[in-house]
Amino acid sequence: MLSSVKKTIPILRDGSVKYKLHEYINRIFAIVLILVSLGYHNFLFSSETVVTVKERHEPWIMNFPGVVGTGIGDCQGTPCIKVYIKEKTPELEQQLPKRIEGFQLDIEVTGPIETQ
């Protein structure tokens, strides 16, 4: 009976059973799927940070009428790009995307910003 088990379950050199390796890989895969479903895909798969993405798109964002600044924030535990606007208008809401390269845009009304 024992010899038939050895034939059906391959044994690795160190004597451990191969299915334990598969079990370990399946657990890691399940953890990655859970993290992606919870919104941590940028953390897991993006080689670029929110800072890099914000800096690359900042000139384009600042060209929208009514945008007075940008920043980096935390949106429900994940990094996001903050966009500060003078006032909320339907046109501006339609023009600004909801996400840029996977990062959420969080729009905040600040009113005009003046340098001192």
N, C-alpha and C. Protein backbone atom coordinates (compact mmCIF):
# COMPACT_ATOMS: atom_id res chain seq x y z
N MET A 1 0.82 -1.19 0.00
CA MET A 1 0.00 0.00 0.00
C MET A 1 0.86 1.26 0.00
N LEU A 2 1.90 1.31 0.81
CA LEU A 2 2.78 2.46 0.89
C LEU A 2 3.49 2.73 -0.42
N SER A 3 3.85 1.68 -1.13
CA SER A 3 4.54 1.87 -2.41
C SER A 3 3.64 2.54 -3.43
N SER A 4 2.32 2.29 -3.39
CA SER A 4 1.41 2.94 -4.34
C SER A 4 1.26 4.42 -4.04
N VAL A 5 1.38 4.83 -2.78
CA VAL A 5 1.32 6.24 -2.41
C VAL A 5 2.53 6.97 -2.95
N LYS A 6 3.71 6.35 -2.84
CA LYS A 6 4.93 6.98 -3.34
C LYS A 6 4.87 7.17 -4.86
N LYS A 7 4.18 6.30 -5.56
CA LYS A 7 4.09 6.42 -7.01
C LYS A 7 3.13 7.54 -7.41
N THR A 8 2.09 7.78 -6.65
CA THR A 8 1.09 8.79 -7.03
C THR A 8 1.43 10.18 -6.50
N ILE A 9 2.16 10.28 -5.39
CA ILE A 9 2.53 11.58 -4.83
C ILE A 9 4.04 11.72 -4.94
N PRO A 10 4.53 12.57 -5.87
CA PRO A 10 5.98 12.70 -6.04
C PRO A 10 6.63 13.27 -4.78
N ILE A 11 7.77 12.71 -4.42
CA ILE A 11 8.53 13.16 -3.27
C ILE A 11 9.72 13.98 -3.77
N LEU A 12 9.94 15.17 -3.17
CA LEU A 12 11.08 16.00 -3.54
C LEU A 12 12.34 15.46 -2.88
N ARG A 13 13.49 15.96 -3.28
CA ARG A 13 14.78 15.48 -2.76
C ARG A 13 14.87 15.57 -1.24
N ASP A 14 14.33 16.65 -0.68
CA ASP A 14 14.43 16.80 0.77
C ASP A 14 13.38 15.97 1.52
N GLY A 15 12.58 15.22 0.80
CA GLY A 15 11.62 14.34 1.43
C GLY A 15 10.24 14.96 1.63
N SER A 16 10.07 16.25 1.29
CA SER A 16 8.76 16.86 1.46
C SER A 16 7.86 16.49 0.29
N VAL A 17 6.60 16.54 0.54
CA VAL A 17 5.62 16.15 -0.48
C VAL A 17 5.34 17.36 -1.38
N LYS A 18 5.27 17.09 -2.68
CA LYS A 18 5.13 18.15 -3.67
C LYS A 18 3.83 18.94 -3.49
N TYR A 19 2.77 18.32 -3.04
CA TYR A 19 1.51 19.03 -2.91
C TYR A 19 1.57 20.14 -1.87
N LYS A 20 2.49 20.07 -0.92
CA LYS A 20 2.63 21.15 0.06
C LYS A 20 3.09 22.43 -0.63
N LEU A 21 3.95 22.29 -1.64
CA LEU A 21 4.39 23.44 -2.41
C LEU A 21 3.22 24.05 -3.16
N HIS A 22 2.40 23.21 -3.75
CA HIS A 22 1.21 23.70 -4.45
C HIS A 22 0.25 24.40 -3.49
N GLU A 23 0.10 23.87 -2.32
CA GLU A 23 -0.76 24.48 -1.30
C GLU A 23 -0.24 25.87 -0.92
N TYR A 24 1.06 25.98 -0.74
CA TYR A 24 1.69 27.26 -0.41
C TYR A 24 1.48 28.28 -1.53
N ILE A 25 1.67 27.87 -2.77
CA ILE A 25 1.46 28.76 -3.92
C ILE A 25 0.00 29.19 -4.00
N ASN A 26 -0.92 28.29 -3.78
CA ASN A 26 -2.34 28.62 -3.81
C ASN A 26 -2.70 29.64 -2.73
N ARG A 27 -2.10 29.53 -1.57
CA ARG A 27 -2.37 30.49 -0.49
C ARG A 27 -1.86 31.88 -0.87
N ILE A 28 -0.67 31.95 -1.44
CA ILE A 28 -0.12 33.24 -1.87
C ILE A 28 -1.02 33.86 -2.95
N PHE A 29 -1.44 33.04 -3.90
CA PHE A 29 -2.33 33.51 -4.96
C PHE A 29 -3.63 34.05 -4.38
N ALA A 30 -4.19 33.37 -3.40
CA ALA A 30 -5.43 33.82 -2.76
C ALA A 30 -5.22 35.16 -2.05
N ILE A 31 -4.08 35.33 -1.39
CA ILE A 31 -3.79 36.60 -0.70
C ILE A 31 -3.68 37.74 -1.70
N VAL A 32 -2.99 37.50 -2.82
CA VAL A 32 -2.87 38.52 -3.86
C VAL A 32 -4.23 38.90 -4.41
N LEU A 33 -5.08 37.92 -4.65
CA LEU A 33 -6.44 38.20 -5.15
C LEU A 33 -7.24 39.04 -4.16
N ILE A 34 -7.11 38.73 -2.89
CA ILE A 34 -7.82 39.51 -1.86
C ILE A 34 -7.32 40.94 -1.84
N LEU A 35 -6.00 41.13 -1.89
CA LEU A 35 -5.43 42.49 -1.87
C LEU A 35 -5.87 43.29 -3.10
N VAL A 36 -5.90 42.64 -4.27
CA VAL A 36 -6.34 43.33 -5.48
C VAL A 36 -7.81 43.71 -5.35
N SER A 37 -8.63 42.82 -4.83
CA SER A 37 -10.06 43.12 -4.69
C SER A 37 -10.31 44.24 -3.68
N LEU A 38 -9.41 44.42 -2.73
CA LEU A 38 -9.55 45.49 -1.74
C LEU A 38 -8.95 46.81 -2.22
N GLY A 39 -8.41 46.84 -3.42
CA GLY A 39 -7.91 48.09 -3.98
C GLY A 39 -6.42 48.32 -3.80
N TYR A 40 -5.68 47.29 -3.46
CA TYR A 40 -4.24 47.45 -3.28
C TYR A 40 -3.46 47.07 -4.54
N HIS A 41 -4.12 47.09 -5.72
CA HIS A 41 -3.43 46.68 -6.94
C HIS A 41 -2.29 47.63 -7.29
N ASN A 42 -2.41 48.92 -6.99
CA ASN A 42 -1.31 49.84 -7.27
C ASN A 42 -0.08 49.49 -6.45
N PHE A 43 -0.30 49.14 -5.19
CA PHE A 43 0.79 48.76 -4.31
C PHE A 43 1.47 47.49 -4.80
N LEU A 44 0.69 46.54 -5.29
CA LEU A 44 1.24 45.25 -5.68
C LEU A 44 1.89 45.25 -7.06
N PHE A 45 1.28 45.95 -8.02
CA PHE A 45 1.69 45.78 -9.40
C PHE A 45 2.30 47.01 -10.05
N SER A 46 2.17 48.17 -9.46
CA SER A 46 2.67 49.38 -10.10
C SER A 46 4.13 49.61 -9.74
N SER A 47 4.92 49.87 -10.77
CA SER A 47 6.32 50.19 -10.50
C SER A 47 6.47 51.69 -10.26
N GLU A 48 5.41 52.45 -10.55
CA GLU A 48 5.45 53.89 -10.34
C GLU A 48 4.67 54.27 -9.10
N THR A 49 5.14 55.28 -8.43
CA THR A 49 4.47 55.75 -7.24
C THR A 49 3.46 56.82 -7.60
N VAL A 50 2.60 57.14 -6.67
CA VAL A 50 1.62 58.20 -6.88
C VAL A 50 2.32 59.53 -7.12
N VAL A 51 3.48 59.72 -6.51
CA VAL A 51 4.24 60.96 -6.70
C VAL A 51 4.66 61.11 -8.16
N THR A 52 5.20 60.05 -8.74
CA THR A 52 5.63 60.08 -10.13
C THR A 52 4.47 60.36 -11.07
N VAL A 53 3.35 59.68 -10.85
CA VAL A 53 2.17 59.86 -11.70
C VAL A 53 1.63 61.28 -11.57
N LYS A 54 1.55 61.80 -10.34
CA LYS A 54 1.06 63.17 -10.13
C LYS A 54 1.96 64.18 -10.84
N GLU A 55 3.27 64.03 -10.67
CA GLU A 55 4.20 64.97 -11.29
C GLU A 55 4.11 64.95 -12.81
N ARG A 56 3.91 63.77 -13.38
CA ARG A 56 3.81 63.66 -14.84
C ARG A 56 2.54 64.32 -15.37
N HIS A 57 1.43 64.21 -14.64
CA HIS A 57 0.15 64.72 -15.13
C HIS A 57 -0.22 66.10 -14.58
N GLU A 58 0.57 66.62 -13.65
CA GLU A 58 0.24 67.90 -13.01
C GLU A 58 0.07 69.06 -14.00
N PRO A 59 0.95 69.24 -14.98
CA PRO A 59 0.73 70.34 -15.93
C PRO A 59 -0.60 70.22 -16.67
N TRP A 60 -0.95 69.01 -17.05
CA TRP A 60 -2.22 68.78 -17.76
C TRP A 60 -3.41 69.09 -16.84
N ILE A 61 -3.36 68.62 -15.59
CA ILE A 61 -4.45 68.87 -14.63
C ILE A 61 -4.59 70.36 -14.36
N MET A 62 -3.47 71.05 -14.19
CA MET A 62 -3.50 72.48 -13.86
C MET A 62 -4.07 73.33 -14.99
N ASN A 63 -4.12 72.81 -16.22
CA ASN A 63 -4.67 73.56 -17.35
C ASN A 63 -6.20 73.60 -17.36
N PHE A 64 -6.83 72.78 -16.54
CA PHE A 64 -8.30 72.83 -16.48
C PHE A 64 -8.72 74.12 -15.79
N PRO A 65 -9.70 74.85 -16.37
CA PRO A 65 -10.16 76.08 -15.72
C PRO A 65 -10.77 75.77 -14.36
N GLY A 66 -10.34 76.50 -13.34
CA GLY A 66 -10.87 76.31 -12.00
C GLY A 66 -9.99 75.48 -11.09
N VAL A 67 -8.98 74.80 -11.65
CA VAL A 67 -8.05 74.02 -10.83
C VAL A 67 -6.99 74.97 -10.28
N VAL A 68 -6.80 74.92 -8.96
CA VAL A 68 -5.84 75.84 -8.32
C VAL A 68 -4.64 75.12 -7.71
N GLY A 69 -4.66 73.78 -7.68
CA GLY A 69 -3.53 73.07 -7.13
C GLY A 69 -3.73 71.57 -7.14
N THR A 70 -2.64 70.86 -6.87
CA THR A 70 -2.69 69.40 -6.77
C THR A 70 -1.87 68.96 -5.56
N GLY A 71 -2.09 67.76 -5.15
CA GLY A 71 -1.35 67.21 -4.03
C GLY A 71 -1.50 65.70 -4.00
N ILE A 72 -1.01 65.11 -2.93
CA ILE A 72 -1.12 63.67 -2.74
C ILE A 72 -1.83 63.43 -1.42
N GLY A 73 -2.77 62.52 -1.45
CA GLY A 73 -3.54 62.24 -0.24
C GLY A 73 -3.75 60.76 -0.03
N ASP A 74 -4.59 60.46 0.93
CA ASP A 74 -4.93 59.09 1.27
C ASP A 74 -6.44 58.94 1.12
N CYS A 75 -6.86 58.09 0.21
CA CYS A 75 -8.29 57.86 -0.03
C CYS A 75 -8.64 56.44 0.42
N GLN A 76 -9.18 56.33 1.59
CA GLN A 76 -9.61 55.05 2.16
C GLN A 76 -8.48 54.03 2.19
N GLY A 77 -7.31 54.50 2.61
CA GLY A 77 -6.18 53.60 2.78
C GLY A 77 -5.29 53.41 1.58
N THR A 78 -5.63 54.02 0.45
CA THR A 78 -4.78 53.92 -0.73
C THR A 78 -4.35 55.32 -1.17
N PRO A 79 -3.14 55.45 -1.71
CA PRO A 79 -2.69 56.77 -2.15
C PRO A 79 -3.53 57.28 -3.31
N CYS A 80 -3.77 58.59 -3.32
CA CYS A 80 -4.55 59.19 -4.39
C CYS A 80 -3.98 60.56 -4.73
N ILE A 81 -4.44 61.11 -5.84
CA ILE A 81 -4.02 62.43 -6.29
C ILE A 81 -5.13 63.41 -5.92
N LYS A 82 -4.77 64.43 -5.14
CA LYS A 82 -5.74 65.46 -4.74
C LYS A 82 -5.74 66.55 -5.81
N VAL A 83 -6.93 67.02 -6.16
CA VAL A 83 -7.07 68.14 -7.09
C VAL A 83 -7.89 69.20 -6.38
N TYR A 84 -7.29 70.38 -6.21
CA TYR A 84 -7.94 71.49 -5.51
C TYR A 84 -8.54 72.43 -6.54
N ILE A 85 -9.83 72.76 -6.35
CA ILE A 85 -10.53 73.62 -7.32
C ILE A 85 -11.16 74.81 -6.61
N LYS A 86 -11.41 75.88 -7.40
CA LYS A 86 -12.04 77.10 -6.86
C LYS A 86 -13.48 76.82 -6.46
N GLU A 87 -14.22 76.24 -7.40
CA GLU A 87 -15.61 75.90 -7.13
C GLU A 87 -16.01 74.71 -7.98
N LYS A 88 -17.00 73.99 -7.49
CA LYS A 88 -17.46 72.79 -8.18
C LYS A 88 -18.44 73.19 -9.27
N THR A 89 -18.14 72.78 -10.50
CA THR A 89 -19.05 73.03 -11.63
C THR A 89 -19.29 71.71 -12.35
N PRO A 90 -20.44 71.56 -12.98
CA PRO A 90 -20.72 70.32 -13.71
C PRO A 90 -19.71 70.09 -14.86
N GLU A 91 -19.30 71.19 -15.49
CA GLU A 91 -18.35 71.06 -16.60
C GLU A 91 -17.01 70.49 -16.13
N LEU A 92 -16.52 71.03 -15.00
CA LEU A 92 -15.24 70.59 -14.47
C LEU A 92 -15.32 69.13 -14.01
N GLU A 93 -16.43 68.77 -13.39
CA GLU A 93 -16.60 67.38 -12.95
C GLU A 93 -16.60 66.41 -14.12
N GLN A 94 -17.17 66.83 -15.26
CA GLN A 94 -17.19 65.97 -16.44
C GLN A 94 -15.81 65.89 -17.11
N GLN A 95 -15.05 66.97 -17.05
CA GLN A 95 -13.76 67.02 -17.74
C GLN A 95 -12.67 66.25 -16.99
N LEU A 96 -12.66 66.34 -15.68
CA LEU A 96 -11.61 65.68 -14.90
C LEU A 96 -11.88 64.17 -14.84
N PRO A 97 -10.86 63.36 -15.08
CA PRO A 97 -11.07 61.90 -14.99
C PRO A 97 -11.22 61.48 -13.53
N LYS A 98 -11.78 60.32 -13.33
CA LYS A 98 -11.93 59.76 -11.97
C LYS A 98 -10.62 59.13 -11.50
N ARG A 99 -9.83 58.61 -12.45
CA ARG A 99 -8.56 57.96 -12.12
C ARG A 99 -7.53 58.35 -13.19
N ILE A 100 -6.26 58.36 -12.75
CA ILE A 100 -5.14 58.53 -13.68
C ILE A 100 -4.14 57.42 -13.38
N GLU A 101 -3.89 56.60 -14.38
CA GLU A 101 -2.95 55.48 -14.26
C GLU A 101 -3.23 54.64 -13.01
N GLY A 102 -4.50 54.43 -12.73
CA GLY A 102 -4.89 53.59 -11.61
C GLY A 102 -5.07 54.30 -10.28
N PHE A 103 -4.61 55.55 -10.20
CA PHE A 103 -4.75 56.30 -8.95
C PHE A 103 -6.00 57.17 -9.01
N GLN A 104 -6.79 57.13 -7.94
CA GLN A 104 -8.02 57.91 -7.85
C GLN A 104 -7.70 59.39 -7.74
N LEU A 105 -8.54 60.22 -8.39
CA LEU A 105 -8.46 61.67 -8.21
C LEU A 105 -9.50 62.07 -7.17
N ASP A 106 -9.07 62.77 -6.15
CA ASP A 106 -9.95 63.25 -5.09
C ASP A 106 -10.06 64.76 -5.24
N ILE A 107 -11.24 65.23 -5.63
CA ILE A 107 -11.45 66.65 -5.91
C ILE A 107 -11.94 67.33 -4.64
N GLU A 108 -11.29 68.44 -4.30
CA GLU A 108 -11.63 69.18 -3.09
C GLU A 108 -11.78 70.66 -3.43
N VAL A 109 -12.90 71.25 -3.01
CA VAL A 109 -13.14 72.67 -3.23
C VAL A 109 -12.41 73.46 -2.14
N THR A 110 -11.50 74.34 -2.56
CA THR A 110 -10.73 75.15 -1.62
C THR A 110 -11.00 76.64 -1.79
N GLY A 111 -11.62 77.00 -2.92
CA GLY A 111 -11.73 78.42 -3.25
C GLY A 111 -10.41 78.88 -3.88
N PRO A 112 -10.32 80.16 -4.19
CA PRO A 112 -9.07 80.64 -4.80
C PRO A 112 -7.90 80.54 -3.82
N ILE A 113 -6.74 80.25 -4.34
CA ILE A 113 -5.53 80.20 -3.54
C ILE A 113 -4.62 81.34 -4.00
N GLU A 114 -4.23 82.18 -3.05
CA GLU A 114 -3.37 83.32 -3.39
C GLU A 114 -2.02 83.15 -2.72
N THR A 115 -0.98 83.51 -3.45
CA THR A 115 0.36 83.48 -2.86
C THR A 115 0.57 84.72 -2.03
N GLN A 116 1.36 84.58 -0.99
CA GLN A 116 1.61 85.74 -0.11
C GLN A 116 3.06 86.12 -0.14
